Amino acid sequence: MDNKDIFEHPENVKLAIVDDHQLFADGLKNLLELKGGFRNCLVYNNSNDAMQKIPQEKPHLSIIDINLPDYDGVELTKKLLSKEPSLKIIMLTIDDTRETVFRAITSGACGYLLKNAPFMSILRDINAALQGDIVIGMEVAPLIMNELKTLYTKGKKTTSSQLKVLSNRELEVLKEVAQGKNNNTIAEALFISEKTVKNHITNILGKLEIEDRMKLIVFAIKEGFLEE
């Protein structure tokens, strides 16, 4: 099943929720089924169970809390991705500290969301992640961007000649990507469709020979796209 089919047929999607708060996990599961149309939501309450069963169950996407009773969600993410590199993982937590956010994203998670976000916003981001998007809650996006900017703009030299292969519109999209915006937000900012944004990003990744969106964000920051 390709990404398009997954997006249009959520009943065929398998999700895994890893959270030690049973009430929250069950509530999220029920909402995903009721509002999102998902019919196959697995729930695990600790990292050990998740580590044993997720590689066997092979969900399309896992939603993982940071604070777990055995070892934390970031370590679980690393371990899971070492076994299942194609697994998509979103962190869903109350922890909004800069260090934890950055550690989670650099561990390979494709998203970082806060539990106090509206459910429909979380649902939209889950669907976006299933489509290959990087999803970062609006409350924590500045933390990630500032951390990346601090790491990668020191001693910046001239702009790379690689950018010459991009069209003006692709450069506009890349600037938005560098700010950690998702496809929907970029589409609204540039007055184009979300599908067009996705096509532009696919073309940008191909032209620049960059594997994924997070590496593209790092590249864009290195090139000064967040400079004043």
Protein backbone atom coordinates (compact mmCIF):
# COMPACT_ATOMS: atom_id res chain seq x y z
CA MET A 1 0.00 0.00 0.00
CA ASP A 2 1.49 3.38 -1.01
CA ASN A 3 1.22 6.64 0.91
CA LYS A 4 -1.77 7.83 -1.12
CA ASP A 5 -3.75 4.70 -0.26
CA ILE A 6 -2.80 5.01 3.40
CA PHE A 7 -4.04 8.59 3.53
CA GLU A 8 -7.35 7.78 1.79
CA HIS A 9 -8.01 4.54 3.66
CA PRO A 10 -7.11 5.03 7.35
CA GLU A 11 -8.98 1.83 8.23
CA ASN A 12 -6.07 -0.05 6.62
CA VAL A 13 -3.44 1.77 8.66
CA LYS A 14 -1.87 0.16 11.72
CA LEU A 15 -0.84 2.55 14.51
CA ALA A 16 0.99 1.87 17.77
CA ILE A 17 0.58 4.04 20.86
CA VAL A 18 3.29 3.80 23.52
CA ASP A 19 2.26 5.59 26.72
CA ASP A 20 2.30 4.47 30.36
CA HIS A 21 -0.82 6.47 31.20
CA GLN A 22 -3.49 3.90 30.37
CA LEU A 23 -6.37 6.37 30.50
CA PHE A 24 -4.66 8.74 28.07
CA ALA A 25 -3.59 5.93 25.74
CA ASP A 26 -7.09 4.44 25.64
CA GLY A 27 -8.61 7.88 25.12
CA LEU A 28 -6.28 8.61 22.22
CA LYS A 29 -7.00 5.21 20.70
CA ASN A 30 -10.74 5.84 20.91
CA LEU A 31 -10.44 9.29 19.33
CA LEU A 32 -8.24 7.99 16.52
CA GLU A 33 -10.86 5.36 15.79
CA LEU A 34 -13.87 7.65 16.14
CA LYS A 35 -12.54 10.82 14.51
CA GLY A 36 -9.69 9.51 12.38
CA GLY A 37 -11.21 6.35 10.98
CA PHE A 38 -8.28 4.19 12.12
CA ARG A 39 -9.31 0.65 13.01
CA ASN A 40 -6.06 -0.96 14.06
CA CYS A 41 -4.53 0.89 17.02
CA LEU A 42 -2.18 -1.06 19.28
CA VAL A 43 -1.40 0.17 22.80
CA TYR A 44 1.75 -0.55 24.84
CA ASN A 45 2.43 0.85 28.29
CA ASN A 46 6.21 0.51 28.47
CA SER A 47 9.29 0.50 26.26
CA ASN A 48 10.11 -3.18 26.72
CA ASP A 49 6.73 -4.38 25.47
CA ALA A 50 6.86 -1.94 22.58
CA MET A 51 10.39 -3.00 21.66
CA GLN A 52 9.40 -6.65 21.59
CA LYS A 53 6.09 -6.33 19.76
CA ILE A 54 6.33 -3.37 17.36
CA PRO A 55 8.93 -5.07 15.08
CA GLN A 56 6.58 -8.06 14.91
CA GLU A 57 3.37 -6.09 14.37
CA LYS A 58 5.02 -3.64 11.92
CA PRO A 59 2.73 -0.62 12.36
CA HIS A 60 2.89 2.15 9.78
CA LEU A 61 3.41 4.74 12.51
CA SER A 62 4.14 4.74 16.24
CA ILE A 63 3.09 7.50 18.64
CA ILE A 64 5.49 7.47 21.59
CA ASP A 65 5.61 9.38 24.88
CA ILE A 66 8.98 10.60 26.16
CA ASN A 67 8.51 9.60 29.81
CA LEU A 68 8.16 5.85 30.07
CA PRO A 69 8.74 3.64 33.15
CA ASP A 70 11.66 1.56 31.85
CA TYR A 71 13.65 3.66 29.36
CA ASP A 72 12.57 6.86 27.69
CA GLY A 73 10.87 7.36 24.35
CA VAL A 74 13.95 8.75 22.65
CA GLU A 75 15.97 5.63 23.41
CA LEU A 76 13.03 3.52 22.31
CA THR A 77 12.91 5.45 19.05
CA LYS A 78 16.59 4.78 18.38
CA LYS A 79 16.21 1.08 19.14
CA LEU A 80 13.09 0.69 17.01
CA LEU A 81 14.59 2.51 14.02
CA SER A 82 17.72 0.38 14.22
CA LYS A 83 15.47 -2.64 13.62
CA GLU A 84 12.78 -1.01 11.48
CA PRO A 85 14.32 1.94 9.59
CA SER A 86 11.13 2.62 7.61
CA LEU A 87 8.96 2.99 10.73
CA LYS A 88 7.52 6.48 11.21
CA ILE A 89 7.61 7.73 14.79
CA ILE A 90 5.93 10.75 16.34
CA MET A 91 6.75 11.84 19.88
CA LEU A 92 3.61 12.92 21.77
CA THR A 93 4.47 14.28 25.19
CA ILE A 94 4.17 17.08 27.73
CA ASP A 95 7.94 17.68 27.67
CA ASP A 96 8.68 20.91 25.81
CA THR A 97 12.28 21.42 26.92
CA ARG A 98 14.72 22.37 24.16
CA GLU A 99 17.16 19.56 24.92
CA THR A 100 14.51 16.84 24.76
CA VAL A 101 12.88 18.19 21.61
CA PHE A 102 16.19 18.35 19.76
CA ARG A 103 17.31 14.96 21.05
CA ALA A 104 14.08 13.38 19.83
CA ILE A 105 14.22 14.86 16.35
CA THR A 106 17.88 13.99 15.86
CA SER A 107 17.14 10.42 16.98
CA GLY A 108 15.09 9.93 13.83
CA ALA A 109 11.55 10.78 14.94
CA CYS A 110 9.51 12.36 12.15
CA GLY A 111 7.47 14.46 14.55
CA TYR A 112 7.27 16.09 17.96
CA LEU A 113 3.85 17.10 19.28
CA LEU A 114 2.57 18.23 22.66
CA LYS A 115 -0.30 16.50 24.41
CA ASN A 116 -2.08 19.79 25.09
CA ALA A 117 -2.55 20.42 21.37
CA PRO A 118 -6.12 20.12 20.03
CA PHE A 119 -6.90 16.57 18.97
CA MET A 120 -7.82 17.58 15.41
CA SER A 121 -4.40 19.22 15.08
CA ILE A 122 -2.75 16.01 16.28
CA LEU A 123 -4.86 13.98 13.84
CA ARG A 124 -3.89 16.25 10.96
CA ASP A 125 -0.22 15.86 11.85
CA ILE A 126 -0.51 12.07 12.05
CA ASN A 127 -1.98 12.02 8.54
CA ALA A 128 0.77 14.36 7.35
CA ALA A 129 3.45 12.11 8.85
CA LEU A 130 1.94 9.11 7.09
CA GLN A 131 2.44 11.08 3.88
CA GLY A 132 6.13 11.58 4.66
CA ASP A 133 5.97 15.01 6.28
CA ILE A 134 8.00 16.14 9.28
CA VAL A 135 5.50 17.38 11.86
CA ILE A 136 6.57 19.71 14.62
CA GLY A 137 4.11 21.30 17.03
CA MET A 138 3.91 25.05 16.64
CA GLU A 139 4.84 25.45 20.31
CA VAL A 140 8.16 23.62 19.94
CA ALA A 141 9.15 24.44 16.34
CA PRO A 142 11.11 27.59 17.35
CA LEU A 143 13.18 25.52 19.80
CA ILE A 144 14.30 23.13 17.06
CA MET A 145 14.95 25.83 14.51
CA ASN A 146 16.98 27.93 16.96
CA GLU A 147 19.04 24.91 18.02
CA LEU A 148 19.76 23.94 14.42
CA LYS A 149 20.57 27.52 13.53
CA THR A 150 23.03 27.74 16.43
CA LEU A 151 24.73 24.52 15.34
CA TYR A 152 24.94 25.11 11.63
CA THR A 153 25.30 28.84 10.90
CA LYS A 154 28.58 29.50 12.71
CA GLY A 155 31.30 30.46 10.27
CA LYS A 156 28.97 30.21 7.30
CA LYS A 157 30.69 30.92 4.00
CA THR A 158 29.20 31.73 0.59
CA THR A 159 25.96 30.19 -0.64
CA SER A 160 26.31 26.76 -2.22
CA SER A 161 26.18 26.48 -6.01
CA GLN A 162 23.72 23.59 -5.48
CA LEU A 163 20.94 26.12 -5.05
CA LYS A 164 21.30 27.21 -8.69
CA VAL A 165 19.40 24.10 -9.79
CA LEU A 166 16.27 25.25 -7.93
CA SER A 167 13.57 27.42 -9.44
CA ASN A 168 12.42 30.62 -7.72
CA ARG A 169 9.29 28.86 -6.46
CA GLU A 170 11.35 25.95 -5.14
CA LEU A 171 13.57 28.43 -3.29
CA GLU A 172 10.45 29.97 -1.74
CA VAL A 173 9.27 26.55 -0.62
CA LEU A 174 12.73 25.72 0.76
CA LYS A 175 12.70 28.89 2.84
CA GLU A 176 9.40 27.82 4.38
CA VAL A 177 10.70 24.29 4.99
CA ALA A 178 13.72 25.75 6.79
CA GLN A 179 11.36 27.29 9.34
CA GLY A 180 9.98 23.86 10.24
CA LYS A 181 6.58 24.47 8.66
CA ASN A 182 4.47 21.54 7.52
CA ASN A 183 3.04 21.21 4.02
CA ASN A 184 -0.37 22.60 4.95
CA THR A 185 1.12 25.75 6.51
CA ILE A 186 3.47 26.25 3.54
CA ALA A 187 0.55 25.90 1.14
CA GLU A 188 -1.38 28.61 3.00
CA ALA A 189 1.64 30.93 3.11
CA LEU A 190 2.38 30.62 -0.62
CA PHE A 191 -1.27 30.39 -1.78
CA ILE A 192 -0.78 27.04 -3.48
CA SER A 193 -2.24 23.59 -2.89
CA GLU A 194 -0.78 21.15 -0.39
CA LYS A 195 -0.25 18.69 -3.24
CA THR A 196 1.80 21.30 -5.12
CA VAL A 197 3.94 21.87 -2.01
CA LYS A 198 4.56 18.13 -1.74
CA ASN A 199 5.55 17.97 -5.42
CA HIS A 200 7.96 20.90 -4.99
CA ILE A 201 9.60 19.28 -1.97
CA THR A 202 9.97 15.98 -3.84
CA ASN A 203 11.63 17.86 -6.70
CA ILE A 204 13.90 19.79 -4.32
CA LEU A 205 15.02 16.59 -2.58
CA GLY A 206 15.78 15.01 -5.95
CA LYS A 207 17.66 17.99 -7.35
CA LEU A 208 19.77 18.43 -4.21
CA GLU A 209 20.22 14.66 -3.74
CA ILE A 210 19.04 14.86 -0.12
CA GLU A 211 17.34 11.84 1.44
CA ASP A 212 14.69 13.30 3.73
CA ARG A 213 13.02 16.44 4.98
CA MET A 214 15.01 16.84 8.21
CA LYS A 215 18.29 16.72 6.28
CA LEU A 216 16.76 19.28 3.92
CA ILE A 217 15.99 21.56 6.87
CA VAL A 218 19.60 21.26 8.07
CA PHE A 219 20.87 22.00 4.54
CA ALA A 220 18.63 25.07 4.26
CA ILE A 221 19.81 26.42 7.62
CA LYS A 222 23.42 25.86 6.64
CA GLU A 223 22.72 27.90 3.51
CA GLY A 224 21.46 30.81 5.60
CA PHE A 225 17.73 30.54 4.96
CA LEU A 226 17.04 31.55 8.57
CA GLU A 227 19.42 34.48 8.55
CA GLU A 228 17.95 37.88 9.29
